[in-house]
N, C-alpha and C. Protein backbone atom coordinates (compact mmCIF):
# COMPACT_ATOMS: atom_id res chain seq x y z
N UNK A 1 -51.15 66.08 -46.50
CA UNK A 1 -51.86 64.68 -47.06
C UNK A 1 -50.75 63.61 -46.80
N UNK A 2 -51.21 62.27 -46.36
CA UNK A 2 -50.41 61.35 -46.29
C UNK A 2 -49.99 60.65 -47.62
N UNK A 3 -48.82 59.82 -47.79
CA UNK A 3 -48.54 59.33 -49.00
C UNK A 3 -49.28 57.75 -49.10
N UNK A 4 -49.80 57.58 -50.16
CA UNK A 4 -50.26 56.31 -50.28
C UNK A 4 -49.35 55.21 -50.56
N UNK A 5 -49.24 54.43 -50.01
CA UNK A 5 -48.35 53.19 -50.09
C UNK A 5 -48.96 51.77 -50.79
N UNK A 6 -47.93 51.04 -51.29
CA UNK A 6 -48.18 49.94 -52.15
C UNK A 6 -48.32 49.14 -51.19
N UNK A 7 -48.82 47.41 -51.47
CA UNK A 7 -48.45 46.73 -50.45
C UNK A 7 -47.03 46.19 -50.06
N UNK A 8 -46.58 46.35 -51.42
CA UNK A 8 -44.98 46.11 -51.18
C UNK A 8 -44.49 47.26 -50.37
N UNK A 9 -44.62 47.96 -50.44
CA UNK A 9 -43.88 49.17 -49.86
C UNK A 9 -44.26 49.14 -48.28
N UNK A 10 -45.64 48.77 -47.96
CA UNK A 10 -46.19 48.61 -46.75
C UNK A 10 -45.62 47.18 -45.95
N UNK A 11 -45.25 46.29 -46.68
CA UNK A 11 -44.67 44.92 -46.11
C UNK A 11 -43.32 45.67 -46.09
N UNK A 12 -42.39 46.06 -46.37
CA UNK A 12 -41.22 46.75 -46.62
C UNK A 12 -40.86 47.55 -45.23
N UNK A 13 -41.69 48.27 -45.11
CA UNK A 13 -41.77 49.22 -43.97
C UNK A 13 -42.02 48.41 -42.73
N UNK A 14 -42.70 47.35 -42.32
CA UNK A 14 -43.14 46.73 -41.62
C UNK A 14 -42.05 46.14 -41.14
N UNK A 15 -41.28 45.41 -42.12
CA UNK A 15 -39.99 44.69 -42.08
C UNK A 15 -38.96 45.41 -41.26
N UNK A 16 -38.90 46.79 -41.46
CA UNK A 16 -37.96 47.80 -40.94
C UNK A 16 -38.47 48.10 -39.53
N UNK A 17 -39.60 47.91 -39.40
CA UNK A 17 -40.05 48.82 -37.78
C UNK A 17 -40.32 47.42 -36.98
N UNK A 18 -40.06 46.33 -37.40
CA UNK A 18 -40.30 45.22 -36.40
C UNK A 18 -39.46 45.10 -35.34
N UNK A 19 -37.96 45.65 -35.62
CA UNK A 19 -37.05 45.89 -34.77
C UNK A 19 -37.42 47.09 -33.59
N UNK A 20 -37.97 48.09 -33.94
CA UNK A 20 -38.00 49.24 -33.24
C UNK A 20 -38.67 49.35 -32.05
N UNK A 21 -38.45 50.28 -31.09
CA UNK A 21 -39.29 50.29 -30.19
C UNK A 21 -39.80 51.42 -30.46
N UNK A 22 -40.85 51.86 -29.50
CA UNK A 22 -41.99 53.11 -29.51
C UNK A 22 -40.96 54.11 -28.91
N UNK A 23 -41.21 55.27 -29.95
CA UNK A 23 -40.28 56.47 -29.27
C UNK A 23 -40.93 57.27 -28.82
N UNK A 24 -42.36 57.47 -28.75
CA UNK A 24 -43.49 58.14 -28.39
C UNK A 24 -44.45 57.37 -27.54
N UNK A 25 -44.77 57.83 -26.27
CA UNK A 25 -45.70 56.78 -25.68
C UNK A 25 -46.83 57.69 -25.03
N UNK A 26 -48.28 57.54 -25.57
CA UNK A 26 -49.47 58.29 -24.98
C UNK A 26 -49.59 57.93 -23.91
N UNK A 27 -49.75 58.77 -22.30
CA UNK A 27 -50.26 58.20 -20.97
C UNK A 27 -51.65 58.76 -21.09
N UNK A 28 -51.70 59.03 -19.58
CA UNK A 28 -52.96 59.36 -19.28
C UNK A 28 -53.76 60.79 -19.80
N UNK A 29 -52.80 61.76 -20.03
CA UNK A 29 -53.29 63.00 -20.60
C UNK A 29 -53.68 62.79 -21.87
N UNK A 30 -53.44 62.01 -22.69
CA UNK A 30 -54.06 61.52 -23.95
C UNK A 30 -53.13 62.56 -25.11
N UNK A 31 -53.82 62.52 -25.77
CA UNK A 31 -53.15 63.41 -27.26
C UNK A 31 -53.08 64.89 -27.04
N UNK A 32 -51.92 65.44 -26.49
CA UNK A 32 -51.65 66.91 -26.22
C UNK A 32 -51.01 67.28 -27.56
N UNK A 33 -50.58 68.66 -27.68
CA UNK A 33 -49.87 69.38 -28.35
C UNK A 33 -48.60 69.10 -28.29
N UNK A 34 -48.17 68.95 -27.00
CA UNK A 34 -46.92 68.19 -26.57
C UNK A 34 -46.39 67.08 -27.47
N UNK A 35 -47.47 65.93 -27.36
CA UNK A 35 -47.28 64.89 -27.86
C UNK A 35 -47.22 64.56 -29.43
N UNK A 36 -47.80 65.46 -30.16
CA UNK A 36 -48.13 65.87 -31.23
C UNK A 36 -46.88 66.41 -32.04
N UNK A 37 -46.22 67.35 -31.15
CA UNK A 37 -44.68 68.04 -31.99
C UNK A 37 -43.73 66.99 -31.36
N UNK A 38 -43.77 66.01 -30.33
CA UNK A 38 -42.85 64.76 -30.27
C UNK A 38 -43.17 63.84 -31.60
N UNK A 39 -44.03 63.74 -31.97
CA UNK A 39 -44.35 62.66 -33.00
C UNK A 39 -43.93 63.42 -34.12
N UNK A 40 -44.23 64.46 -34.57
CA UNK A 40 -43.60 65.22 -35.60
C UNK A 40 -41.91 65.59 -35.48
N UNK A 41 -41.45 65.49 -34.72
CA UNK A 41 -40.10 65.70 -34.47
C UNK A 41 -39.33 64.40 -34.71
N UNK A 42 -40.17 63.44 -34.25
CA UNK A 42 -39.58 61.61 -34.48
C UNK A 42 -39.59 61.45 -35.85
N UNK A 43 -40.55 61.87 -36.30
CA UNK A 43 -40.84 61.80 -37.76
C UNK A 43 -39.64 62.24 -38.63
N UNK A 44 -39.37 63.28 -38.59
CA UNK A 44 -38.44 64.44 -39.27
C UNK A 44 -37.44 63.87 -38.92
N UNK A 45 -36.91 63.34 -37.90
CA UNK A 45 -35.49 62.43 -37.77
C UNK A 45 -35.33 61.23 -38.05
N UNK A 46 -36.69 60.24 -38.15
CA UNK A 46 -36.18 58.73 -38.15
C UNK A 46 -37.01 58.50 -39.37
N UNK A 47 -38.31 59.21 -40.17
CA UNK A 47 -39.15 58.72 -40.86
C UNK A 47 -40.24 57.68 -40.72
N UNK A 48 -39.52 56.75 -39.94
CA UNK A 48 -40.20 55.50 -39.33
C UNK A 48 -40.23 55.26 -38.17
N UNK A 49 -41.33 55.29 -37.25
CA UNK A 49 -41.35 55.69 -36.06
C UNK A 49 -42.61 54.47 -35.43
N UNK A 50 -42.47 54.12 -34.49
CA UNK A 50 -43.64 53.46 -33.26
C UNK A 50 -44.28 54.42 -32.11
N UNK A 51 -45.49 54.30 -32.08
CA UNK A 51 -45.97 54.85 -31.06
C UNK A 51 -47.00 54.23 -30.20
N UNK A 52 -47.17 54.22 -28.83
CA UNK A 52 -47.72 53.10 -28.26
C UNK A 52 -49.17 54.07 -27.69
N UNK A 53 -49.94 53.82 -28.15
CA UNK A 53 -51.24 54.49 -27.35
C UNK A 53 -51.87 53.69 -26.46
N UNK A 54 -51.64 53.78 -25.09
CA UNK A 54 -51.83 53.06 -23.88
C UNK A 54 -53.26 53.26 -23.55
N UNK A 55 -54.06 52.57 -22.76
CA UNK A 55 -54.97 52.60 -22.00
C UNK A 55 -56.15 53.20 -22.33
N UNK A 56 -56.22 53.18 -23.90
CA UNK A 56 -57.62 53.71 -24.26
C UNK A 56 -58.34 52.62 -24.96
N UNK A 57 -59.76 52.83 -25.05
CA UNK A 57 -60.78 51.44 -25.32
C UNK A 57 -60.47 51.71 -27.12
N UNK A 58 -61.08 50.76 -27.57
CA UNK A 58 -60.75 50.61 -29.23
C UNK A 58 -61.52 51.76 -29.73
N UNK A 59 -62.38 51.97 -29.51
CA UNK A 59 -63.07 53.49 -30.39
C UNK A 59 -62.24 54.81 -30.14
N UNK A 60 -61.84 54.77 -28.56
CA UNK A 60 -60.88 56.04 -28.39
C UNK A 60 -59.36 56.14 -29.32
N UNK A 61 -59.04 54.85 -29.14
CA UNK A 61 -57.66 54.54 -29.86
C UNK A 61 -57.80 54.69 -31.25
N UNK A 62 -59.00 54.17 -31.97
CA UNK A 62 -59.24 54.75 -32.98
C UNK A 62 -59.05 56.03 -34.03
N UNK A 63 -60.14 57.11 -32.65
CA UNK A 63 -59.95 58.45 -32.88
C UNK A 63 -58.68 58.85 -32.63
N UNK A 64 -57.83 58.66 -31.85
CA UNK A 64 -56.48 58.89 -31.26
C UNK A 64 -55.58 59.00 -32.74
N UNK A 65 -55.66 57.88 -33.34
CA UNK A 65 -54.78 57.58 -34.28
C UNK A 65 -54.87 58.02 -35.78
N UNK A 66 -56.25 58.13 -35.76
CA UNK A 66 -56.70 59.08 -36.78
C UNK A 66 -56.68 60.33 -36.92
N UNK A 67 -56.05 61.11 -35.69
CA UNK A 67 -55.99 62.38 -35.47
C UNK A 67 -54.49 62.29 -35.40
N UNK A 68 -53.73 61.36 -35.02
CA UNK A 68 -52.26 61.64 -35.01
C UNK A 68 -51.89 61.41 -36.92
N UNK A 69 -52.57 60.77 -37.26
CA UNK A 69 -52.15 60.66 -38.85
C UNK A 69 -52.57 61.82 -39.41
N UNK A 70 -53.62 62.47 -39.16
CA UNK A 70 -54.20 63.85 -40.22
C UNK A 70 -52.93 65.07 -39.56
N UNK A 71 -53.04 64.88 -38.03
CA UNK A 71 -51.89 66.42 -37.65
C UNK A 71 -50.34 66.23 -38.25
N UNK A 72 -50.13 64.83 -38.36
CA UNK A 72 -48.80 65.05 -38.82
C UNK A 72 -48.35 64.48 -40.18
N UNK A 73 -49.61 64.29 -40.90
CA UNK A 73 -49.59 64.10 -42.35
C UNK A 73 -48.61 62.84 -42.50
N UNK A 74 -48.82 61.72 -41.81
CA UNK A 74 -48.12 60.86 -41.77
C UNK A 74 -48.81 59.60 -42.53
N UNK A 75 -48.54 58.47 -42.83
CA UNK A 75 -49.09 57.21 -43.19
C UNK A 75 -49.06 56.41 -42.21
N UNK A 76 -50.16 55.78 -41.78
CA UNK A 76 -50.40 54.49 -40.81
C UNK A 76 -50.18 53.60 -41.44
N UNK A 77 -48.48 52.63 -40.94
CA UNK A 77 -48.06 51.58 -41.79
C UNK A 77 -49.05 50.38 -41.21
N UNK A 78 -49.34 50.31 -39.92
CA UNK A 78 -49.33 49.19 -39.12
C UNK A 78 -50.34 49.48 -37.77
N UNK A 79 -51.36 48.72 -37.40
CA UNK A 79 -51.55 48.97 -36.11
C UNK A 79 -51.97 47.59 -35.53
N UNK A 80 -50.87 47.55 -34.15
CA UNK A 80 -51.04 46.09 -33.78
C UNK A 80 -51.27 46.15 -32.33
N UNK A 81 -52.51 45.86 -31.69
CA UNK A 81 -52.55 46.46 -30.35
C UNK A 81 -52.45 47.56 -29.97
N UNK A 82 -51.75 48.05 -29.20
CA UNK A 82 -51.68 49.41 -28.58
C UNK A 82 -50.20 50.09 -29.49
N UNK A 83 -49.70 49.26 -30.69
CA UNK A 83 -48.85 50.20 -30.79
C UNK A 83 -49.08 50.24 -32.41
N UNK A 84 -48.90 51.59 -33.13
CA UNK A 84 -48.91 52.38 -34.09
C UNK A 84 -47.81 52.66 -34.83
N UNK A 85 -47.41 51.97 -36.27
CA UNK A 85 -46.39 52.25 -36.80
C UNK A 85 -46.49 53.47 -37.94
N UNK A 86 -45.95 54.51 -37.98
CA UNK A 86 -46.38 55.69 -38.57
C UNK A 86 -44.85 56.02 -39.66
N UNK A 87 -45.02 56.38 -41.03
CA UNK A 87 -44.04 56.88 -41.88
C UNK A 87 -44.52 57.88 -42.50
N UNK A 88 -43.21 58.79 -42.57
CA UNK A 88 -43.24 60.04 -43.35
C UNK A 88 -41.87 60.27 -43.77
N UNK A 89 -41.99 60.75 -45.12
CA UNK A 89 -40.76 60.92 -45.58
C UNK A 89 -40.12 62.27 -45.40
N UNK A 90 -38.96 62.39 -45.01
CA UNK A 90 -38.45 63.64 -44.76
C UNK A 90 -37.44 64.32 -45.96
N UNK A 91 -37.21 65.52 -45.54
CA UNK A 91 -36.31 66.22 -46.66
C UNK A 91 -34.90 65.44 -47.10
N UNK A 92 -34.51 65.02 -46.12
CA UNK A 92 -33.31 64.38 -46.79
C UNK A 92 -33.51 62.72 -46.24
N UNK A 93 -34.09 62.00 -47.22
CA UNK A 93 -34.90 60.71 -47.30
C UNK A 93 -33.57 59.58 -46.78
N UNK A 94 -34.22 58.81 -45.87
CA UNK A 94 -33.27 57.81 -44.95
C UNK A 94 -33.59 56.50 -45.32
N UNK A 95 -34.99 56.42 -45.95
CA UNK A 95 -35.45 55.20 -46.20
C UNK A 95 -36.08 55.34 -47.95
N UNK A 96 -35.61 54.29 -48.23
CA UNK A 96 -35.74 54.49 -50.08
C UNK A 96 -36.85 53.07 -50.18
N UNK A 97 -38.02 53.38 -50.37
CA UNK A 97 -39.28 52.64 -50.84
C UNK A 97 -38.94 51.77 -52.31
N UNK A 98 -39.45 50.56 -51.96
CA UNK A 98 -39.27 49.46 -53.22
C UNK A 98 -40.29 50.60 -54.31
N UNK A 99 -40.23 50.55 -55.58
CA UNK A 99 -41.07 51.13 -56.60
C UNK A 99 -42.16 50.34 -56.47
N UNK A 100 -43.10 51.14 -57.26
CA UNK A 100 -44.31 50.39 -57.43
C UNK A 100 -44.18 49.86 -58.63
N UNK A 101 -44.87 48.92 -59.03
CA UNK A 101 -44.93 48.47 -60.39
C UNK A 101 -45.74 49.01 -61.09
N UNK A 102 -45.62 49.29 -62.40
CA UNK A 102 -46.50 49.99 -63.36
C UNK A 102 -47.06 49.04 -64.16
N UNK A 103 -48.29 49.19 -64.48
CA UNK A 103 -49.33 48.11 -65.01
C UNK A 103 -48.85 48.49 -66.80
N UNK A 104 -48.76 47.62 -67.40
CA UNK A 104 -48.62 47.57 -68.71
C UNK A 104 -50.35 47.26 -69.36
N UNK A 105 -51.01 48.22 -70.13
CA UNK A 105 -51.81 48.18 -71.00
C UNK A 105 -51.38 47.46 -72.37
N UNK A 106 -52.39 46.13 -72.41
CA UNK A 106 -52.14 45.24 -74.14
C UNK A 106 -53.24 45.84 -74.81
């Protein structure tokens, strides 16, 4: 199951991802087991990655993104055009997320 991020945490991750280049690019073969394995491996190594989903129409792209998020148990931080930004915490934490604010009841 993917982690639920606060707006502040998503904004922080978007800032970190801004300068990144896509590490995985989906081509004509679409979403295969090999592509999912590469995404999973990249998430284990980097925690925050960009994936380029090229050549798909809007509905197909949405289905592909949903499948990637479901199969890798990652969190979709942002989707802009054909670029998907994914985050999944690894065993040796590389990214420290801002703390979620706790609401105080009066």
